[in-house]
Amino acid sequence: MADNQDALDTLDLIEQRNGNLETAAKILAIRAGYEPSRKSNILDDLLEKSRKIICQEEFREVLAAGIIPIVLEPLAISAAIPPGLASVVAIYAFKIGVKKFCQVPDSES
């Protein structure tokens, strides 16, 4: 991620928040003027909006291998979210595991 200033700034923010991705997402959303599409927490909204993109085979494989930077720009463009927020989403998906991330939650079926 060394070539991506948005990603580096996001990593710094996540570190300042002791790894709390939800708090980092809220801060980044406020900074970017991003408003979630529904009245839920911002991270949940971003995850739902990004799931179809991340779960495409080519992105799923790259992200599962830990190659997060390759996913960031296509994710930000396809999901229409700011790059810093795309970083949070990609890190979250990698952290919990792409396979688990791509399973449809039972409560939202």
Protein backbone atom coordinates (compact mmCIF):
# COMPACT_ATOMS: atom_id res chain seq x y z
CA MET A 1 0.00 0.00 0.00
CA ALA A 2 3.07 2.21 -0.03
CA ASP A 3 2.00 3.83 -3.32
CA ASN A 4 -1.52 4.65 -2.12
CA GLN A 5 -1.67 7.67 0.19
CA ASP A 6 -5.36 7.12 0.99
CA ALA A 7 -4.60 3.58 2.11
CA LEU A 8 -1.63 4.72 4.20
CA ASP A 9 -3.72 7.43 5.86
CA THR A 10 -6.43 4.88 6.56
CA LEU A 11 -3.92 2.48 8.12
CA ASP A 12 -2.64 5.29 10.34
CA LEU A 13 -6.18 6.12 11.43
CA ILE A 14 -6.97 2.46 12.15
CA GLU A 15 -3.79 2.24 14.21
CA GLN A 16 -4.72 5.41 16.14
CA ARG A 17 -8.08 3.81 16.91
CA ASN A 18 -6.44 0.61 18.20
CA GLY A 19 -7.61 -1.42 15.22
CA ASN A 20 -11.28 -0.44 15.54
CA LEU A 21 -12.48 -0.52 11.92
CA GLU A 22 -15.97 0.72 12.75
CA THR A 23 -14.65 3.88 14.40
CA ALA A 24 -12.20 4.44 11.57
CA ALA A 25 -15.01 4.06 9.03
CA LYS A 26 -17.14 6.65 10.85
CA ILE A 27 -14.29 9.15 10.92
CA LEU A 28 -13.41 8.60 7.27
CA ALA A 29 -17.05 8.87 6.24
CA ILE A 30 -17.41 12.21 8.02
CA ARG A 31 -14.22 13.50 6.42
CA ALA A 32 -15.37 12.41 2.95
CA GLY A 33 -18.94 13.60 3.36
CA TYR A 34 -20.13 10.05 2.71
CA GLU A 35 -23.64 9.27 3.85
CA PRO A 36 -24.81 5.68 4.17
CA SER A 37 -27.78 4.64 2.08
CA ARG A 38 -29.77 3.47 5.07
CA LYS A 39 -29.95 4.18 8.77
CA SER A 40 -27.44 1.60 9.94
CA ASN A 41 -23.88 1.86 11.03
CA ILE A 42 -21.57 3.06 8.31
CA LEU A 43 -19.35 -0.01 8.29
CA ASP A 44 -22.33 -2.35 7.82
CA ASP A 45 -23.58 -0.19 4.96
CA LEU A 46 -20.15 -0.24 3.29
CA LEU A 47 -19.79 -3.99 3.71
CA GLU A 48 -23.18 -4.67 2.19
CA LYS A 49 -22.52 -2.27 -0.68
CA SER A 50 -19.13 -3.90 -1.36
CA ARG A 51 -19.99 -7.57 -0.94
CA LYS A 52 -20.95 -8.22 -4.60
CA ILE A 53 -17.71 -6.70 -5.80
CA ILE A 54 -15.35 -8.33 -3.31
CA CYS A 55 -17.01 -11.71 -3.77
CA GLN A 56 -16.33 -11.81 -7.51
CA GLU A 57 -13.86 -14.60 -8.09
CA GLU A 58 -10.92 -12.45 -9.24
CA PHE A 59 -11.16 -10.12 -6.23
CA ARG A 60 -11.90 -12.91 -3.77
CA GLU A 61 -8.74 -14.77 -4.74
CA VAL A 62 -6.51 -11.68 -4.61
CA LEU A 63 -7.89 -10.54 -1.27
CA ALA A 64 -7.68 -14.04 0.23
CA ALA A 65 -3.99 -14.00 -0.68
CA GLY A 66 -3.58 -10.73 1.26
CA ILE A 67 -2.94 -8.57 -1.78
CA ILE A 68 -5.23 -5.78 -0.59
CA PRO A 69 -3.91 -2.87 -2.73
CA ILE A 70 -5.07 -4.46 -6.01
CA VAL A 71 -8.67 -4.47 -4.78
CA LEU A 72 -8.84 -0.86 -3.53
CA GLU A 73 -9.33 1.18 -6.69
CA PRO A 74 -11.82 -1.19 -8.38
CA LEU A 75 -13.74 -1.46 -5.10
CA ALA A 76 -13.90 2.30 -4.59
CA ILE A 77 -15.06 2.87 -8.18
CA SER A 78 -17.52 -0.03 -8.40
CA ALA A 79 -19.10 0.54 -4.99
CA ALA A 80 -18.98 4.34 -5.39
CA ILE A 81 -17.26 4.82 -2.04
CA PRO A 82 -14.26 6.98 -1.12
CA PRO A 83 -10.86 5.24 -1.36
CA GLY A 84 -10.18 5.41 2.37
CA LEU A 85 -13.46 3.64 3.08
CA ALA A 86 -12.65 1.05 0.43
CA SER A 87 -9.47 0.35 2.39
CA VAL A 88 -11.45 -0.26 5.58
CA VAL A 89 -13.79 -2.64 3.75
CA ALA A 90 -10.93 -4.59 2.14
CA ILE A 91 -9.08 -4.86 5.44
CA TYR A 92 -12.24 -6.05 7.18
CA ALA A 93 -12.92 -8.70 4.52
CA PHE A 94 -9.33 -9.92 4.71
CA LYS A 95 -9.35 -9.88 8.52
CA ILE A 96 -12.47 -12.04 8.91
CA GLY A 97 -11.65 -14.14 5.88
CA VAL A 98 -13.01 -13.65 2.38
CA LYS A 99 -14.88 -16.95 2.42
CA LYS A 100 -16.76 -15.97 5.57
CA PHE A 101 -17.30 -12.42 4.28
CA CYS A 102 -18.86 -13.74 1.08
CA GLN A 103 -21.39 -15.94 2.85
CA VAL A 104 -24.83 -14.35 2.93
CA PRO A 105 -25.71 -13.53 6.54
CA ASP A 106 -28.72 -15.57 7.74
CA SER A 107 -30.34 -12.57 9.43
CA GLU A 108 -30.31 -10.55 6.21
CA SER A 109 -31.57 -13.25 3.83
